[in-house]
Amino acid sequence: MRFIAVFYQQRTIYGMGFESVIDANDFLFRGYEDNDLVPRGIYDIMTDNVTPYAHIDQLIGNDKLETIRQFAIEYMKQICQHMSLHER
């Protein structure tokens, strides 16, 4: 997992990991089109870059990049903790 798609669903923020930025963007696009989620952005673990989500060249939401980054890092920490529990 290199990219984390950050989004809201029913007023709760979530993240989902992907191997490619194309897959992460496609997930956010389809979720927004289906009215299932509100995309916020994509965090790149390797470069620490955040790309705000733009739907057909229009930004969705007004989250600060640092807010998206902080959530993605917390999401990543939770995954690591969960994995270490299963390895025991």
PDB file of N, CA and C in Angstrom:
ATOM      1  N   MET A   1       0.857  -1.178   0.000  1.00  0.00           N
ATOM      2  CA  MET A   1       0.000   0.000   0.000  1.00  0.00           C
ATOM      3  C   MET A   1       0.899   1.235   0.000  1.00  0.00           C
ATOM      4  N   ARG A   2       0.680   2.084  -0.977  1.00  0.00           N
ATOM      5  CA  ARG A   2       1.455   3.321  -1.039  1.00  0.00           C
ATOM      6  C   ARG A   2       0.566   4.557  -0.896  1.00  0.00           C
ATOM      7  N   PHE A   3      -0.655   4.481  -1.375  1.00  0.00           N
ATOM      8  CA  PHE A   3      -1.544   5.640  -1.390  1.00  0.00           C
ATOM      9  C   PHE A   3      -2.742   5.401  -0.475  1.00  0.00           C
ATOM     10  N   ILE A   4      -3.132   6.447   0.234  1.00  0.00           N
ATOM     11  CA  ILE A   4      -4.302   6.363   1.106  1.00  0.00           C
ATOM     12  C   ILE A   4      -5.333   7.373   0.616  1.00  0.00           C
ATOM     13  N   ALA A   5      -6.494   6.857   0.208  1.00  0.00           N
ATOM     14  CA  ALA A   5      -7.614   7.703  -0.186  1.00  0.00           C
ATOM     15  C   ALA A   5      -8.359   8.093   1.085  1.00  0.00           C
ATOM     16  N   VAL A   6      -8.554   9.383   1.293  1.00  0.00           N
ATOM     17  CA  VAL A   6      -9.228   9.897   2.488  1.00  0.00           C
ATOM     18  C   VAL A   6     -10.583  10.448   2.059  1.00  0.00           C
ATOM     19  N   PHE A   7     -11.635  10.043   2.793  1.00  0.00           N
ATOM     20  CA  PHE A   7     -12.982  10.439   2.401  1.00  0.00           C
ATOM     21  C   PHE A   7     -13.907  10.440   3.612  1.00  0.00           C
ATOM     22  N   TYR A   8     -15.043  11.110   3.450  1.00  0.00           N
ATOM     23  CA  TYR A   8     -16.099  11.089   4.458  1.00  0.00           C
ATOM     24  C   TYR A   8     -17.223  10.189   3.965  1.00  0.00           C
ATOM     25  N   GLN A   9     -17.810   9.465   4.906  1.00  0.00           N
ATOM     26  CA  GLN A   9     -18.998   8.679   4.609  1.00  0.00           C
ATOM     27  C   GLN A   9     -19.902   8.778   5.825  1.00  0.00           C
ATOM     28  N   GLN A  10     -21.079   9.316   5.614  1.00  0.00           N
ATOM     29  CA  GLN A  10     -22.035   9.552   6.699  1.00  0.00           C
ATOM     30  C   GLN A  10     -21.390  10.324   7.851  1.00  0.00           C
ATOM     31  N   ARG A  11     -20.709  11.399   7.515  1.00  0.00           N
ATOM     32  CA  ARG A  11     -20.086  12.341   8.469  1.00  0.00           C
ATOM     33  C   ARG A  11     -18.932  11.756   9.278  1.00  0.00           C
ATOM     34  N   THR A  12     -18.406  10.632   8.849  1.00  0.00           N
ATOM     35  CA  THR A  12     -17.248  10.029   9.508  1.00  0.00           C
ATOM     36  C   THR A  12     -16.117   9.950   8.498  1.00  0.00           C
ATOM     37  N   ILE A  13     -14.905  10.288   8.935  1.00  0.00           N
ATOM     38  CA  ILE A  13     -13.763  10.266   8.026  1.00  0.00           C
ATOM     39  C   ILE A  13     -13.142   8.866   8.013  1.00  0.00           C
ATOM     40  N   TYR A  14     -12.765   8.416   6.815  1.00  0.00           N
ATOM     41  CA  TYR A  14     -12.179   7.091   6.623  1.00  0.00           C
ATOM     42  C   TYR A  14     -10.976   7.189   5.695  1.00  0.00           C
ATOM     43  N   GLY A  15     -10.197   6.132   5.684  1.00  0.00           N
ATOM     44  CA  GLY A  15      -9.101   5.988   4.738  1.00  0.00           C
ATOM     45  C   GLY A  15      -9.128   4.595   4.155  1.00  0.00           C
ATOM     46  N   MET A  16      -8.577   4.457   2.955  1.00  0.00           N
ATOM     47  CA  MET A  16      -8.458   3.146   2.330  1.00  0.00           C
ATOM     48  C   MET A  16      -7.167   3.130   1.532  1.00  0.00           C
ATOM     49  N   GLY A  17      -6.385   2.071   1.709  1.00  0.00           N
ATOM     50  CA  GLY A  17      -5.086   1.982   1.060  1.00  0.00           C
ATOM     51  C   GLY A  17      -5.145   1.363  -0.325  1.00  0.00           C
ATOM     52  N   PHE A  18      -4.253   1.849  -1.200  1.00  0.00           N
ATOM     53  CA  PHE A  18      -4.160   1.364  -2.575  1.00  0.00           C
ATOM     54  C   PHE A  18      -2.702   1.299  -2.996  1.00  0.00           C
ATOM     55  N   GLU A  19      -2.418   0.444  -3.957  1.00  0.00           N
ATOM     56  CA  GLU A  19      -1.067   0.320  -4.503  1.00  0.00           C
ATOM     57  C   GLU A  19      -0.760   1.402  -5.534  1.00  0.00           C
ATOM     58  N   SER A  20      -1.789   1.905  -6.221  1.00  0.00           N
ATOM     59  CA  SER A  20      -1.544   2.921  -7.255  1.00  0.00           C
ATOM     60  C   SER A  20      -2.451   4.126  -7.033  1.00  0.00           C
ATOM     61  N   VAL A  21      -1.957   5.279  -7.451  1.00  0.00           N
ATOM     62  CA  VAL A  21      -2.736   6.508  -7.334  1.00  0.00           C
ATOM     63  C   VAL A  21      -3.951   6.445  -8.255  1.00  0.00           C
ATOM     64  N   ILE A  22      -3.831   5.733  -9.361  1.00  0.00           N
ATOM     65  CA  ILE A  22      -4.960   5.594 -10.293  1.00  0.00           C
ATOM     66  C   ILE A  22      -6.108   4.854  -9.608  1.00  0.00           C
ATOM     67  N   ASP A  23      -5.784   3.768  -8.903  1.00  0.00           N
ATOM     68  CA  ASP A  23      -6.823   3.014  -8.195  1.00  0.00           C
ATOM     69  C   ASP A  23      -7.460   3.848  -7.086  1.00  0.00           C
ATOM     70  N   ALA A  24      -6.647   4.598  -6.356  1.00  0.00           N
ATOM     71  CA  ALA A  24      -7.171   5.448  -5.282  1.00  0.00           C
ATOM     72  C   ALA A  24      -8.099   6.519  -5.846  1.00  0.00           C
ATOM     73  N   ASN A  25      -7.681   7.145  -6.934  1.00  0.00           N
ATOM     74  CA  ASN A  25      -8.490   8.185  -7.558  1.00  0.00           C
ATOM     75  C   ASN A  25      -9.782   7.603  -8.130  1.00  0.00           C
ATOM     76  N   ASP A  26      -9.687   6.429  -8.749  1.00  0.00           N
ATOM     77  CA  ASP A  26     -10.869   5.775  -9.310  1.00  0.00           C
ATOM     78  C   ASP A  26     -11.873   5.436  -8.205  1.00  0.00           C
ATOM     79  N   PHE A  27     -11.378   4.958  -7.065  1.00  0.00           N
ATOM     80  CA  PHE A  27     -12.244   4.655  -5.926  1.00  0.00           C
ATOM     81  C   PHE A  27     -13.000   5.911  -5.478  1.00  0.00           C
ATOM     82  N   LEU A  28     -12.287   7.026  -5.331  1.00  0.00           N
ATOM     83  CA  LEU A  28     -12.929   8.275  -4.908  1.00  0.00           C
ATOM     84  C   LEU A  28     -13.920   8.769  -5.959  1.00  0.00           C
ATOM     85  N   PHE A  29     -13.547   8.663  -7.232  1.00  0.00           N
ATOM     86  CA  PHE A  29     -14.420   9.105  -8.322  1.00  0.00           C
ATOM     87  C   PHE A  29     -15.733   8.322  -8.311  1.00  0.00           C
ATOM     88  N   ARG A  30     -15.625   6.984  -8.273  1.00  0.00           N
ATOM     89  CA  ARG A  30     -16.838   6.154  -8.302  1.00  0.00           C
ATOM     90  C   ARG A  30     -17.692   6.371  -7.055  1.00  0.00           C
ATOM     91  N   GLY A  31     -17.053   6.498  -5.901  1.00  0.00           N
ATOM     92  CA  GLY A  31     -17.796   6.734  -4.667  1.00  0.00           C
ATOM     93  C   GLY A  31     -18.548   8.053  -4.689  1.00  0.00           C
ATOM     94  N   TYR A  32     -17.924   9.079  -5.267  1.00  0.00           N
ATOM     95  CA  TYR A  32     -18.572  10.386  -5.354  1.00  0.00           C
ATOM     96  C   TYR A  32     -19.718  10.349  -6.360  1.00  0.00           C
ATOM     97  N   GLU A  33     -19.475   9.703  -7.498  1.00  0.00           N
ATOM     98  CA  GLU A  33     -20.510   9.589  -8.529  1.00  0.00           C
ATOM     99  C   GLU A  33     -21.738   8.841  -8.004  1.00  0.00           C
ATOM    100  N   ASP A  34     -21.514   7.828  -7.178  1.00  0.00           N
ATOM    101  CA  ASP A  34     -22.612   7.021  -6.633  1.00  0.00           C
ATOM    102  C   ASP A  34     -23.227   7.635  -5.376  1.00  0.00           C
ATOM    103  N   ASN A  35     -22.751   8.817  -4.983  1.00  0.00           N
ATOM    104  CA  ASN A  35     -23.222   9.500  -3.771  1.00  0.00           C
ATOM    105  C   ASN A  35     -23.014   8.671  -2.512  1.00  0.00           C
ATOM    106  N   ASP A  36     -22.004   7.805  -2.523  1.00  0.00           N
ATOM    107  CA  ASP A  36     -21.708   6.974  -1.360  1.00  0.00           C
ATOM    108  C   ASP A  36     -20.725   7.642  -0.405  1.00  0.00           C
ATOM    109  N   LEU A  37     -19.875   8.532  -0.940  1.00  0.00           N
ATOM    110  CA  LEU A  37     -18.855   9.145  -0.097  1.00  0.00           C
ATOM    111  C   LEU A  37     -18.483  10.527  -0.611  1.00  0.00           C
ATOM    112  N   VAL A  38     -17.814  11.282   0.251  1.00  0.00           N
ATOM    113  CA  VAL A  38     -17.337  12.623  -0.097  1.00  0.00           C
ATOM    114  C   VAL A  38     -15.811  12.589  -0.049  1.00  0.00           C
ATOM    115  N   PRO A  39     -15.161  12.586  -1.215  1.00  0.00           N
ATOM    116  CA  PRO A  39     -13.699  12.502  -1.274  1.00  0.00           C
ATOM    117  C   PRO A  39     -13.025  13.736  -0.703  1.00  0.00           C
ATOM    118  N   ARG A  40     -11.852  13.521  -0.090  1.00  0.00           N
ATOM    119  CA  ARG A  40     -11.062  14.625   0.429  1.00  0.00           C
ATOM    120  C   ARG A  40      -9.705  14.719  -0.235  1.00  0.00           C
ATOM    121  N   GLY A  41      -9.046  13.588  -0.429  1.00  0.00           N
ATOM    122  CA  GLY A  41      -7.740  13.643  -1.065  1.00  0.00           C
ATOM    123  C   GLY A  41      -7.021  12.313  -0.999  1.00  0.00           C
ATOM    124  N   ILE A  42      -5.812  12.316  -1.554  1.00  0.00           N
ATOM    125  CA  ILE A  42      -4.977  11.118  -1.594  1.00  0.00           C
ATOM    126  C   ILE A  42      -3.622  11.460  -0.997  1.00  0.00           C
ATOM    127  N   TYR A  43      -3.193  10.622  -0.067  1.00  0.00           N
ATOM    128  CA  TYR A  43      -1.905  10.793   0.596  1.00  0.00           C
ATOM    129  C   TYR A  43      -0.931   9.762   0.047  1.00  0.00           C
ATOM    130  N   ASP A  44       0.268  10.223  -0.341  1.00  0.00           N
ATOM    131  CA  ASP A  44       1.330   9.357  -0.842  1.00  0.00           C
ATOM    132  C   ASP A  44       2.299   9.080   0.304  1.00  0.00           C
ATOM    133  N   ILE A  45       2.342   7.841   0.747  1.00  0.00           N
ATOM    134  CA  ILE A  45       3.187   7.462   1.882  1.00  0.00           C
ATOM    135  C   ILE A  45       4.667   7.681   1.586  1.00  0.00           C
ATOM    136  N   MET A  46       5.092   7.387   0.369  1.00  0.00           N
ATOM    137  CA  MET A  46       6.517   7.467   0.018  1.00  0.00           C
ATOM    138  C   MET A  46       7.038   8.903  -0.031  1.00  0.00           C
ATOM    139  N   THR A  47       6.219   9.837  -0.510  1.00  0.00           N
ATOM    140  CA  THR A  47       6.687  11.211  -0.694  1.00  0.00           C
ATOM    141  C   THR A  47       6.126  12.190   0.339  1.00  0.00           C
ATOM    142  N   ASP A  48       5.160  11.754   1.145  1.00  0.00           N
ATOM    143  CA  ASP A  48       4.481  12.598   2.130  1.00  0.00           C
ATOM    144  C   ASP A  48       3.667  13.712   1.464  1.00  0.00           C
ATOM    145  N   ASN A  49       3.306  13.523   0.202  1.00  0.00           N
ATOM    146  CA  ASN A  49       2.511  14.515  -0.522  1.00  0.00           C
ATOM    147  C   ASN A  49       1.024  14.214  -0.396  1.00  0.00           C
ATOM    148  N   VAL A  50       0.237  15.278  -0.349  1.00  0.00           N
ATOM    149  CA  VAL A  50      -1.216  15.163  -0.342  1.00  0.00           C
ATOM    150  C   VAL A  50      -1.743  15.835  -1.596  1.00  0.00           C
ATOM    151  N   THR A  51      -2.642  15.143  -2.280  1.00  0.00           N
ATOM    152  CA  THR A  51      -3.307  15.711  -3.449  1.00  0.00           C
ATOM    153  C   THR A  51      -4.787  15.836  -3.117  1.00  0.00           C
ATOM    154  N   PRO A  52      -5.310  17.068  -3.061  1.00  0.00           N
ATOM    155  CA  PRO A  52      -6.744  17.207  -2.794  1.00  0.00           C
ATOM    156  C   PRO A  52      -7.537  16.618  -3.960  1.00  0.00           C
ATOM    157  N   TYR A  53      -8.691  16.041  -3.660  1.00  0.00           N
ATOM    158  CA  TYR A  53      -9.501  15.424  -4.708  1.00  0.00           C
ATOM    159  C   TYR A  53     -10.215  16.496  -5.519  1.00  0.00           C
ATOM    160  N   ALA A  54     -10.107  16.390  -6.829  1.00  0.00           N
ATOM    161  CA  ALA A  54     -10.822  17.275  -7.747  1.00  0.00           C
ATOM    162  C   ALA A  54     -11.695  16.405  -8.643  1.00  0.00           C
ATOM    163  N   HIS A  55     -12.982  16.647  -8.623  1.00  0.00           N
ATOM    164  CA  HIS A  55     -13.926  15.885  -9.442  1.00  0.00           C
ATOM    165  C   HIS A  55     -14.192  16.667 -10.717  1.00  0.00           C
ATOM    166  N   ILE A  56     -13.737  16.123 -11.809  1.00  0.00           N
ATOM    167  CA  ILE A  56     -13.839  16.785 -13.116  1.00  0.00           C
ATOM    168  C   ILE A  56     -13.321  18.220 -12.991  1.00  0.00           C
ATOM    169  N   ASP A  57     -12.101  18.330 -12.464  1.00  0.00           N
ATOM    170  CA  ASP A  57     -11.353  19.580 -12.303  1.00  0.00           C
ATOM    171  C   ASP A  57     -11.962  20.574 -11.312  1.00  0.00           C
ATOM    172  N   GLN A  58     -12.885  20.138 -10.467  1.00  0.00           N
ATOM    173  CA  GLN A  58     -13.422  21.006  -9.416  1.00  0.00           C
ATOM    174  C   GLN A  58     -13.105  20.391  -8.062  1.00  0.00           C
ATOM    175  N   LEU A  59     -12.442  21.176  -7.204  1.00  0.00           N
ATOM    176  CA  LEU A  59     -12.113  20.680  -5.867  1.00  0.00           C
ATOM    177  C   LEU A  59     -13.383  20.397  -5.082  1.00  0.00           C
ATOM    178  N   ILE A  60     -13.356  19.293  -4.343  1.00  0.00           N
ATOM    179  CA  ILE A  60     -14.478  18.908  -3.497  1.00  0.00           C
ATOM    180  C   ILE A  60     -14.045  19.142  -2.049  1.00  0.00           C
ATOM    181  N   GLY A  61     -14.787  19.956  -1.340  1.00  0.00           N
ATOM    182  CA  GLY A  61     -14.458  20.223   0.063  1.00  0.00           C
ATOM    183  C   GLY A  61     -13.386  21.283   0.204  1.00  0.00           C
ATOM    184  N   ASN A  62     -13.110  21.618   1.441  1.00  0.00           N
ATOM    185  CA  ASN A  62     -12.122  22.658   1.720  1.00  0.00           C
ATOM    186  C   ASN A  62     -11.176  22.244   2.843  1.00  0.00           C
ATOM    187  N   ASP A  63     -10.941  20.937   2.972  1.00  0.00           N
ATOM    188  CA  ASP A  63     -10.022  20.464   4.005  1.00  0.00           C
ATOM    189  C   ASP A  63      -8.610  20.963   3.735  1.00  0.00           C
ATOM    190  N   LYS A  64      -7.907  21.292   4.799  1.00  0.00           N
ATOM    191  CA  LYS A  64      -6.500  21.663   4.672  1.00  0.00           C
ATOM    192  C   LYS A  64      -5.697  20.409   4.357  1.00  0.00           C
ATOM    193  N   LEU A  65      -4.636  20.579   3.590  1.00  0.00           N
ATOM    194  CA  LEU A  65      -3.793  19.438   3.232  1.00  0.00           C
ATOM    195  C   LEU A  65      -3.235  18.756   4.478  1.00  0.00           C
ATOM    196  N   GLU A  66      -2.900  19.537   5.483  1.00  0.00           N
ATOM    197  CA  GLU A  66      -2.346  18.967   6.715  1.00  0.00           C
ATOM    198  C   GLU A  66      -3.374  18.091   7.437  1.00  0.00           C
ATOM    199  N   THR A  67      -4.642  18.447   7.366  1.00  0.00           N
ATOM    200  CA  THR A  67      -5.690  17.633   7.984  1.00  0.00           C
ATOM    201  C   THR A  67      -5.777  16.272   7.308  1.00  0.00           C
ATOM    202  N   ILE A  68      -5.724  16.263   5.987  1.00  0.00           N
ATOM    203  CA  ILE A  68      -5.754  15.008   5.229  1.00  0.00           C
ATOM    204  C   ILE A  68      -4.515  14.180   5.564  1.00  0.00           C
ATOM    205  N   ARG A  69      -3.354  14.821   5.592  1.00  0.00           N
ATOM    206  CA  ARG A  69      -2.093  14.136   5.915  1.00  0.00           C
ATOM    207  C   ARG A  69      -2.161  13.501   7.308  1.00  0.00           C
ATOM    208  N   GLN A  70      -2.600  14.264   8.287  1.00  0.00           N
ATOM    209  CA  GLN A  70      -2.658  13.755   9.662  1.00  0.00           C
ATOM    210  C   GLN A  70      -3.586  12.551   9.772  1.00  0.00           C
ATOM    211  N   PHE A  71      -4.737  12.622   9.116  1.00  0.00           N
ATOM    212  CA  PHE A  71      -5.646  11.483   9.177  1.00  0.00           C
ATOM    213  C   PHE A  71      -5.031  10.261   8.506  1.00  0.00           C
ATOM    214  N   ALA A  72      -4.414  10.449   7.346  1.00  0.00           N
ATOM    215  CA  ALA A  72      -3.808   9.325   6.627  1.00  0.00           C
ATOM    216  C   ALA A  72      -2.711   8.667   7.463  1.00  0.00           C
ATOM    217  N   ILE A  73      -1.916   9.462   8.140  1.00  0.00           N
ATOM    218  CA  ILE A  73      -0.843   8.913   8.982  1.00  0.00           C
ATOM    219  C   ILE A  73      -1.439   8.134  10.158  1.00  0.00           C
ATOM    220  N   GLU A  74      -2.493   8.655  10.766  1.00  0.00           N
ATOM    221  CA  GLU A  74      -3.163   7.924  11.855  1.00  0.00           C
ATOM    222  C   GLU A  74      -3.757   6.613  11.342  1.00  0.00           C
ATOM    223  N   TYR A  75      -4.349   6.651  10.165  1.00  0.00           N
ATOM    224  CA  TYR A  75      -4.909   5.444   9.544  1.00  0.00           C
ATOM    225  C   TYR A  75      -3.809   4.404   9.340  1.00  0.00           C
ATOM    226  N   MET A  76      -2.665   4.856   8.842  1.00  0.00           N
ATOM    227  CA  MET A  76      -1.532   3.963   8.601  1.00  0.00           C
ATOM    228  C   MET A  76      -1.037   3.354   9.917  1.00  0.00           C
ATOM    229  N   LYS A  77      -0.976   4.148  10.973  1.00  0.00           N
ATOM    230  CA  LYS A  77      -0.549   3.640  12.283  1.00  0.00           C
ATOM    231  C   LYS A  77      -1.507   2.562  12.792  1.00  0.00           C
ATOM    232  N   GLN A  78      -2.797   2.786  12.600  1.00  0.00           N
ATOM    233  CA  GLN A  78      -3.785   1.803  13.042  1.00  0.00           C
ATOM    234  C   GLN A  78      -3.624   0.486  12.294  1.00  0.00           C
ATOM    235  N   ILE A  79      -3.346   0.565  11.004  1.00  0.00           N
ATOM    236  CA  ILE A  79      -3.135  -0.651  10.215  1.00  0.00           C
ATOM    237  C   ILE A  79      -1.908  -1.395  10.729  1.00  0.00           C
ATOM    238  N   CYS A  80      -0.836  -0.671  10.990  1.00  0.00           N
ATOM    239  CA  CYS A  80       0.393  -1.302  11.489  1.00  0.00           C
ATOM    240  C   CYS A  80       0.150  -1.976  12.836  1.00  0.00           C
ATOM    241  N   GLN A  81      -0.581  -1.321  13.723  1.00  0.00           N
ATOM    242  CA  GLN A  81      -0.896  -1.916  15.022  1.00  0.00           C
ATOM    243  C   GLN A  81      -1.746  -3.171  14.853  1.00  0.00           C
ATOM    244  N   HIS A  82      -2.710  -3.097  13.972  1.00  0.00           N
ATOM    245  CA  HIS A  82      -3.593  -4.232  13.721  1.00  0.00           C
ATOM    246  C   HIS A  82      -2.799  -5.417  13.168  1.00  0.00           C
ATOM    247  N   MET A  83      -1.886  -5.132  12.248  1.00  0.00           N
ATOM    248  CA  MET A  83      -1.075  -6.196  11.658  1.00  0.00           C
ATOM    249  C   MET A  83      -0.145  -6.816  12.694  1.00  0.00           C
ATOM    250  N   SER A  84       0.422  -6.003  13.568  1.00  0.00           N
ATOM    251  CA  SER A  84       1.340  -6.548  14.576  1.00  0.00           C
ATOM    252  C   SER A  84       0.595  -7.426  15.583  1.00  0.00           C
ATOM    253  N   LEU A  85      -0.666  -7.132  15.847  1.00  0.00           N
ATOM    254  CA  LEU A  85      -1.460  -7.975  16.741  1.00  0.00           C
ATOM    255  C   LEU A  85      -1.700  -9.352  16.132  1.00  0.00           C
ATOM    256  N   HIS A  86      -1.890  -9.386  14.814  1.00  0.00           N
ATOM    257  CA  HIS A  86      -2.155 -10.655  14.131  1.00  0.00           C
ATOM    258  C   HIS A  86      -0.897 -11.483  13.933  1.00  0.00           C
ATOM    259  N   GLU A  87       0.260 -10.854  13.989  1.00  0.00           N
ATOM    260  CA  GLU A  87       1.516 -11.577  13.796  1.00  0.00           C
ATOM    261  C   GLU A  87       1.968 -12.286  15.062  1.00  0.00           C
ATOM    262  N   ARG A  88       1.390 -11.946  16.177  1.00  0.00           N
ATOM    263  CA  ARG A  88       1.804 -12.543  17.464  1.00  0.00           C
ATOM    264  C   ARG A  88       1.327 -13.958  17.608  1.00  0.00           C
TER     265      ARG A  88
END
